[in-house]
Amino acid sequence: MLPLANKKFLLVKDISIESNDDKTPHCSECGAACNRGDLFTIDDRPVCRTCLFGDAPPVTIYPIGVVSNDFERDETPFGRKGTGTVSKIELLPSQKQFMSGLEQEPEITIVYYLHKSRPVRTCFKRGLDGKQVGVFASRTPDRLSRIGIQDVKLHDINGTTLFVTGLDAVNGTPVLDIKLKI
């Protein structure tokens, strides 16, 4: 019989961890019992929200639209495949009222939610140059905040659909905000 055959394991954020009470996962740093929604996977270990963010309350953000393109998340270090260059940003109809003057701007900044984010690594080789860095010194889509920001070229607007180039977001990515690029 295998040595782990009698142990019970729970799947938490794509990794298996041993549970202390066969039901509730625990933080690898403080040992506290946590619900799955309060755990983040850092270097293949579950870490609770309190260990990462202290008593800071979570923030509620609503999407204003969604990205439509042929980019998909894959297993490469940057994690994206696809050949297209134009992305559509399909805004909710309610956002039309905020678009005045947007058509006059050649470049804008898109803020989006990295909905296909994978577990976070504290240190890794940056895809740009192979340098060993942490999340804040990289453009990895695997971030605790799951927020992406990208300057793009605005080519056209049709109703509430924007046509842009230079966006790294994958198909289905929620768009959180659009700003003038300065």
C-alpha atoms as a PDB file:
ATOM      1  CA  MET A   1       0.000   0.000   0.000  1.00  0.00           C
ATOM      2  CA  LEU A   2       1.235   3.537  -0.817  1.00  0.00           C
ATOM      3  CA  PRO A   3       2.204   5.700   2.202  1.00  0.00           C
ATOM      4  CA  LEU A   4      -0.402   8.351   1.283  1.00  0.00           C
ATOM      5  CA  ALA A   5      -3.188   5.883   0.546  1.00  0.00           C
ATOM      6  CA  ASN A   6      -4.987   6.559   3.843  1.00  0.00           C
ATOM      7  CA  LYS A   7      -4.682  10.361   3.684  1.00  0.00           C
ATOM      8  CA  LYS A   8      -7.547  12.603   2.512  1.00  0.00           C
ATOM      9  CA  PHE A   9      -6.822  15.491   0.154  1.00  0.00           C
ATOM     10  CA  LEU A  10      -8.826  18.481  -1.068  1.00  0.00           C
ATOM     11  CA  LEU A  11      -8.466  20.265  -4.389  1.00  0.00           C
ATOM     12  CA  VAL A  12      -7.957  23.984  -3.791  1.00  0.00           C
ATOM     13  CA  LYS A  13      -7.289  26.379  -6.681  1.00  0.00           C
ATOM     14  CA  ASP A  14      -5.804  23.673  -8.926  1.00  0.00           C
ATOM     15  CA  ILE A  15      -3.464  22.086  -6.350  1.00  0.00           C
ATOM     16  CA  SER A  16      -3.908  19.259  -3.892  1.00  0.00           C
ATOM     17  CA  ILE A  17      -3.297  19.995  -0.221  1.00  0.00           C
ATOM     18  CA  GLU A  18      -3.662  17.800   2.779  1.00  0.00           C
ATOM     19  CA  SER A  19      -6.583  18.807   4.961  1.00  0.00           C
ATOM     20  CA  ASN A  20      -6.252  18.717   8.741  1.00  0.00           C
ATOM     21  CA  ASP A  21      -9.904  17.810   9.319  1.00  0.00           C
ATOM     22  CA  ASP A  22     -10.829  16.065   6.049  1.00  0.00           C
ATOM     23  CA  LYS A  23     -13.186  18.981   5.153  1.00  0.00           C
ATOM     24  CA  THR A  24     -11.628  22.405   5.532  1.00  0.00           C
ATOM     25  CA  PRO A  25      -8.428  23.567   3.792  1.00  0.00           C
ATOM     26  CA  HIS A  26      -5.836  25.444   5.846  1.00  0.00           C
ATOM     27  CA  CYS A  27      -3.433  28.279   5.086  1.00  0.00           C
ATOM     28  CA  SER A  28       0.156  27.097   4.662  1.00  0.00           C
ATOM     29  CA  GLU A  29       1.499  30.203   6.433  1.00  0.00           C
ATOM     30  CA  CYS A  30      -0.709  30.747   9.502  1.00  0.00           C
ATOM     31  CA  GLY A  31      -2.491  27.365   9.645  1.00  0.00           C
ATOM     32  CA  ALA A  32      -5.946  28.964   9.818  1.00  0.00           C
ATOM     33  CA  ALA A  33      -8.908  27.044   8.442  1.00  0.00           C
ATOM     34  CA  CYS A  34     -10.246  28.867   5.364  1.00  0.00           C
ATOM     35  CA  ASN A  35     -12.987  28.604   2.834  1.00  0.00           C
ATOM     36  CA  ARG A  36     -11.726  28.090  -0.711  1.00  0.00           C
ATOM     37  CA  GLY A  37     -12.679  31.638  -1.757  1.00  0.00           C
ATOM     38  CA  ASP A  38     -10.210  33.076   0.756  1.00  0.00           C
ATOM     39  CA  LEU A  39      -7.220  31.025  -0.448  1.00  0.00           C
ATOM     40  CA  PHE A  40      -4.674  31.987  -3.102  1.00  0.00           C
ATOM     41  CA  THR A  41      -2.098  29.636  -4.587  1.00  0.00           C
ATOM     42  CA  ILE A  42       1.410  31.054  -4.191  1.00  0.00           C
ATOM     43  CA  ASP A  43       4.355  28.865  -5.239  1.00  0.00           C
ATOM     44  CA  ASP A  44       2.020  25.835  -5.150  1.00  0.00           C
ATOM     45  CA  ARG A  45       0.961  26.512  -1.539  1.00  0.00           C
ATOM     46  CA  PRO A  46      -2.432  27.780  -0.305  1.00  0.00           C
ATOM     47  CA  VAL A  47      -2.121  31.158   1.414  1.00  0.00           C
ATOM     48  CA  CYS A  48      -5.099  32.870   3.040  1.00  0.00           C
ATOM     49  CA  ARG A  49      -6.408  36.322   2.236  1.00  0.00           C
ATOM     50  CA  THR A  50      -5.490  37.597   5.712  1.00  0.00           C
ATOM     51  CA  CYS A  51      -1.828  36.568   5.380  1.00  0.00           C
ATOM     52  CA  LEU A  52      -1.658  38.333   1.992  1.00  0.00           C
ATOM     53  CA  PHE A  53      -3.783  41.438   2.554  1.00  0.00           C
ATOM     54  CA  GLY A  54      -4.229  41.831   6.332  1.00  0.00           C
ATOM     55  CA  ASP A  55      -7.557  43.374   7.273  1.00  0.00           C
ATOM     56  CA  ALA A  56      -8.018  45.262   3.985  1.00  0.00           C
ATOM     57  CA  PRO A  57     -11.558  44.640   2.752  1.00  0.00           C
ATOM     58  CA  PRO A  58     -12.061  43.296  -0.781  1.00  0.00           C
ATOM     59  CA  VAL A  59     -13.177  45.742  -3.484  1.00  0.00           C
ATOM     60  CA  THR A  60     -16.209  45.253  -5.710  1.00  0.00           C
ATOM     61  CA  ILE A  61     -15.673  46.160  -9.384  1.00  0.00           C
ATOM     62  CA  TYR A  62     -18.185  45.686 -12.178  1.00  0.00           C
ATOM     63  CA  PRO A  63     -17.178  45.028 -15.801  1.00  0.00           C
ATOM     64  CA  ILE A  64     -18.226  47.504 -18.498  1.00  0.00           C
ATOM     65  CA  GLY A  65     -17.652  45.128 -21.403  1.00  0.00           C
ATOM     66  CA  VAL A  66     -15.778  42.126 -22.726  1.00  0.00           C
ATOM     67  CA  VAL A  67     -12.875  41.441 -25.101  1.00  0.00           C
ATOM     68  CA  SER A  68     -13.518  39.474 -28.267  1.00  0.00           C
ATOM     69  CA  ASN A  69     -10.503  38.147 -30.218  1.00  0.00           C
ATOM     70  CA  ASP A  70      -8.770  34.890 -31.142  1.00  0.00           C
ATOM     71  CA  PHE A  71      -6.301  34.870 -28.222  1.00  0.00           C
ATOM     72  CA  GLU A  72      -6.501  31.950 -25.794  1.00  0.00           C
ATOM     73  CA  ARG A  73      -4.636  31.146 -22.593  1.00  0.00           C
ATOM     74  CA  ASP A  74      -2.040  28.389 -23.030  1.00  0.00           C
ATOM     75  CA  GLU A  75       0.801  26.774 -21.091  1.00  0.00           C
ATOM     76  CA  THR A  76       3.627  29.004 -22.381  1.00  0.00           C
ATOM     77  CA  PRO A  77       5.309  31.254 -19.798  1.00  0.00           C
ATOM     78  CA  PHE A  78       3.354  34.337 -20.918  1.00  0.00           C
ATOM     79  CA  GLY A  79       0.354  32.114 -21.425  1.00  0.00           C
ATOM     80  CA  ARG A  80      -1.227  33.355 -24.643  1.00  0.00           C
ATOM     81  CA  LYS A  81      -1.659  31.992 -28.155  1.00  0.00           C
ATOM     82  CA  GLY A  82      -3.408  33.377 -31.201  1.00  0.00           C
ATOM     83  CA  THR A  83      -2.502  35.092 -34.426  1.00  0.00           C
ATOM     84  CA  GLY A  84      -4.952  37.971 -34.773  1.00  0.00           C
ATOM     85  CA  THR A  85      -3.965  41.581 -34.272  1.00  0.00           C
ATOM     86  CA  VAL A  86      -7.357  43.275 -33.872  1.00  0.00           C
ATOM     87  CA  SER A  87      -9.396  42.897 -30.702  1.00  0.00           C
ATOM     88  CA  LYS A  88     -12.973  44.024 -30.271  1.00  0.00           C
ATOM     89  CA  ILE A  89     -14.031  45.523 -26.986  1.00  0.00           C
ATOM     90  CA  GLU A  90     -17.780  45.041 -26.767  1.00  0.00           C
ATOM     91  CA  LEU A  91     -19.088  47.494 -24.196  1.00  0.00           C
ATOM     92  CA  LEU A  92     -22.410  47.026 -22.445  1.00  0.00           C
ATOM     93  CA  PRO A  93     -25.145  49.152 -24.049  1.00  0.00           C
ATOM     94  CA  SER A  94     -25.357  51.193 -20.826  1.00  0.00           C
ATOM     95  CA  GLN A  95     -21.809  52.465 -21.455  1.00  0.00           C
ATOM     96  CA  LYS A  96     -22.751  54.390 -24.652  1.00  0.00           C
ATOM     97  CA  GLN A  97     -23.456  57.504 -22.565  1.00  0.00           C
ATOM     98  CA  PHE A  98     -19.789  57.649 -21.477  1.00  0.00           C
ATOM     99  CA  MET A  99     -18.249  57.402 -24.968  1.00  0.00           C
ATOM    100  CA  SER A 100     -18.489  61.055 -26.052  1.00  0.00           C
ATOM    101  CA  GLY A 101     -15.232  62.173 -27.712  1.00  0.00           C
ATOM    102  CA  LEU A 102     -13.682  58.698 -27.589  1.00  0.00           C
ATOM    103  CA  GLU A 103     -13.610  58.465 -31.396  1.00  0.00           C
ATOM    104  CA  GLN A 104     -11.153  61.403 -31.472  1.00  0.00           C
ATOM    105  CA  GLU A 105      -8.505  59.572 -29.448  1.00  0.00           C
ATOM    106  CA  PRO A 106      -5.921  57.527 -31.389  1.00  0.00           C
ATOM    107  CA  GLU A 107      -4.644  55.710 -28.268  1.00  0.00           C
ATOM    108  CA  ILE A 108      -6.422  54.652 -25.111  1.00  0.00           C
ATOM    109  CA  THR A 109      -5.621  52.616 -21.997  1.00  0.00           C
ATOM    110  CA  ILE A 110      -7.666  49.503 -21.259  1.00  0.00           C
ATOM    111  CA  VAL A 111      -8.020  48.194 -17.698  1.00  0.00           C
ATOM    112  CA  TYR A 112      -9.172  44.582 -17.564  1.00  0.00           C
ATOM    113  CA  TYR A 113      -9.624  41.595 -15.273  1.00  0.00           C
ATOM    114  CA  LEU A 114      -7.265  38.637 -15.809  1.00  0.00           C
ATOM    115  CA  HIS A 115     -10.013  36.015 -15.533  1.00  0.00           C
ATOM    116  CA  LYS A 116      -7.779  33.140 -16.703  1.00  0.00           C
ATOM    117  CA  SER A 117      -5.014  33.823 -14.193  1.00  0.00           C
ATOM    118  CA  ARG A 118      -3.034  30.821 -12.935  1.00  0.00           C
ATOM    119  CA  PRO A 119      -1.370  30.306  -9.540  1.00  0.00           C
ATOM    120  CA  VAL A 120       1.183  33.001  -8.686  1.00  0.00           C
ATOM    121  CA  ARG A 121       4.941  32.476  -8.527  1.00  0.00           C
ATOM    122  CA  THR A 122       6.957  34.759  -6.254  1.00  0.00           C
ATOM    123  CA  CYS A 123      10.034  34.472  -8.496  1.00  0.00           C
ATOM    124  CA  PHE A 124      10.425  33.269 -12.088  1.00  0.00           C
ATOM    125  CA  LYS A 125      12.318  33.903 -15.306  1.00  0.00           C
ATOM    126  CA  ARG A 126      10.788  36.871 -17.100  1.00  0.00           C
ATOM    127  CA  GLY A 127       9.789  36.021 -20.676  1.00  0.00           C
ATOM    128  CA  LEU A 128      11.144  39.302 -22.025  1.00  0.00           C
ATOM    129  CA  ASP A 129      14.803  38.614 -21.251  1.00  0.00           C
ATOM    130  CA  GLY A 130      15.044  35.541 -18.998  1.00  0.00           C
ATOM    131  CA  LYS A 131      15.945  37.645 -15.932  1.00  0.00           C
ATOM    132  CA  GLN A 132      14.867  36.180 -12.544  1.00  0.00           C
ATOM    133  CA  VAL A 133      12.202  38.563 -11.160  1.00  0.00           C
ATOM    134  CA  GLY A 134       9.061  38.803  -9.060  1.00  0.00           C
ATOM    135  CA  VAL A 135       5.544  39.636 -10.208  1.00  0.00           C
ATOM    136  CA  PHE A 136       5.963  43.413  -9.825  1.00  0.00           C
ATOM    137  CA  ALA A 137       8.992  43.437 -12.158  1.00  0.00           C
ATOM    138  CA  SER A 138       7.135  41.612 -14.926  1.00  0.00           C
ATOM    139  CA  ARG A 139       4.134  41.659 -17.223  1.00  0.00           C
ATOM    140  CA  THR A 140       2.909  38.213 -16.170  1.00  0.00           C
ATOM    141  CA  PRO A 141      -0.867  37.721 -16.278  1.00  0.00           C
ATOM    142  CA  ASP A 142      -0.558  35.590 -13.121  1.00  0.00           C
ATOM    143  CA  ARG A 143      -0.998  38.266 -10.452  1.00  0.00           C
ATOM    144  CA  LEU A 144      -2.768  38.470  -7.077  1.00  0.00           C
ATOM    145  CA  SER A 145      -4.769  41.543  -8.137  1.00  0.00           C
ATOM    146  CA  ARG A 146      -5.728  39.956 -11.483  1.00  0.00           C
ATOM    147  CA  ILE A 147      -5.699  43.451 -12.990  1.00  0.00           C
ATOM    148  CA  GLY A 148      -4.251  44.057 -16.447  1.00  0.00           C
ATOM    149  CA  ILE A 149      -3.534  47.475 -17.967  1.00  0.00           C
ATOM    150  CA  GLN A 150      -2.616  47.979 -21.620  1.00  0.00           C
ATOM    151  CA  ASP A 151      -2.138  50.950 -23.920  1.00  0.00           C
ATOM    152  CA  VAL A 152      -3.757  50.223 -27.296  1.00  0.00           C
ATOM    153  CA  LYS A 153      -4.391  51.920 -30.628  1.00  0.00           C
ATOM    154  CA  LEU A 154      -8.048  52.719 -31.259  1.00  0.00           C
ATOM    155  CA  HIS A 155      -8.883  52.074 -34.935  1.00  0.00           C
ATOM    156  CA  ASP A 156     -12.660  52.276 -35.114  1.00  0.00           C
ATOM    157  CA  ILE A 157     -15.875  52.428 -33.117  1.00  0.00           C
ATOM    158  CA  ASN A 158     -19.157  50.877 -34.237  1.00  0.00           C
ATOM    159  CA  GLY A 159     -21.924  51.584 -31.724  1.00  0.00           C
ATOM    160  CA  THR A 160     -20.504  50.342 -28.429  1.00  0.00           C
ATOM    161  CA  THR A 161     -17.857  48.122 -30.051  1.00  0.00           C
ATOM    162  CA  LEU A 162     -14.263  49.386 -30.118  1.00  0.00           C
ATOM    163  CA  PHE A 163     -11.696  47.940 -32.541  1.00  0.00           C
ATOM    164  CA  VAL A 164      -8.157  48.088 -31.109  1.00  0.00           C
ATOM    165  CA  THR A 165      -4.664  46.696 -31.684  1.00  0.00           C
ATOM    166  CA  GLY A 166      -2.000  45.966 -29.086  1.00  0.00           C
ATOM    167  CA  LEU A 167      -4.240  44.323 -26.474  1.00  0.00           C
ATOM    168  CA  ASP A 168      -2.774  41.272 -24.683  1.00  0.00           C
ATOM    169  CA  ALA A 169      -6.098  40.191 -23.145  1.00  0.00           C
ATOM    170  CA  VAL A 170      -7.549  36.808 -24.171  1.00  0.00           C
ATOM    171  CA  ASN A 171     -11.013  36.215 -25.599  1.00  0.00           C
ATOM    172  CA  GLY A 172     -13.755  36.696 -23.005  1.00  0.00           C
ATOM    173  CA  THR A 173     -11.700  38.984 -20.745  1.00  0.00           C
ATOM    174  CA  PRO A 174     -13.885  41.376 -18.716  1.00  0.00           C
ATOM    175  CA  VAL A 175     -13.065  45.046 -19.370  1.00  0.00           C
ATOM    176  CA  LEU A 176     -13.130  47.208 -16.227  1.00  0.00           C
ATOM    177  CA  ASP A 177     -12.359  50.700 -17.532  1.00  0.00           C
ATOM    178  CA  ILE A 178     -11.137  52.743 -20.491  1.00  0.00           C
ATOM    179  CA  LYS A 179      -8.929  55.780 -20.041  1.00  0.00           C
ATOM    180  CA  LEU A 180      -7.247  58.344 -22.233  1.00  0.00           C
ATOM    181  CA  LYS A 181      -3.619  57.389 -22.814  1.00  0.00           C
ATOM    182  CA  ILE A 182      -1.294  60.154 -21.621  1.00  0.00           C
END
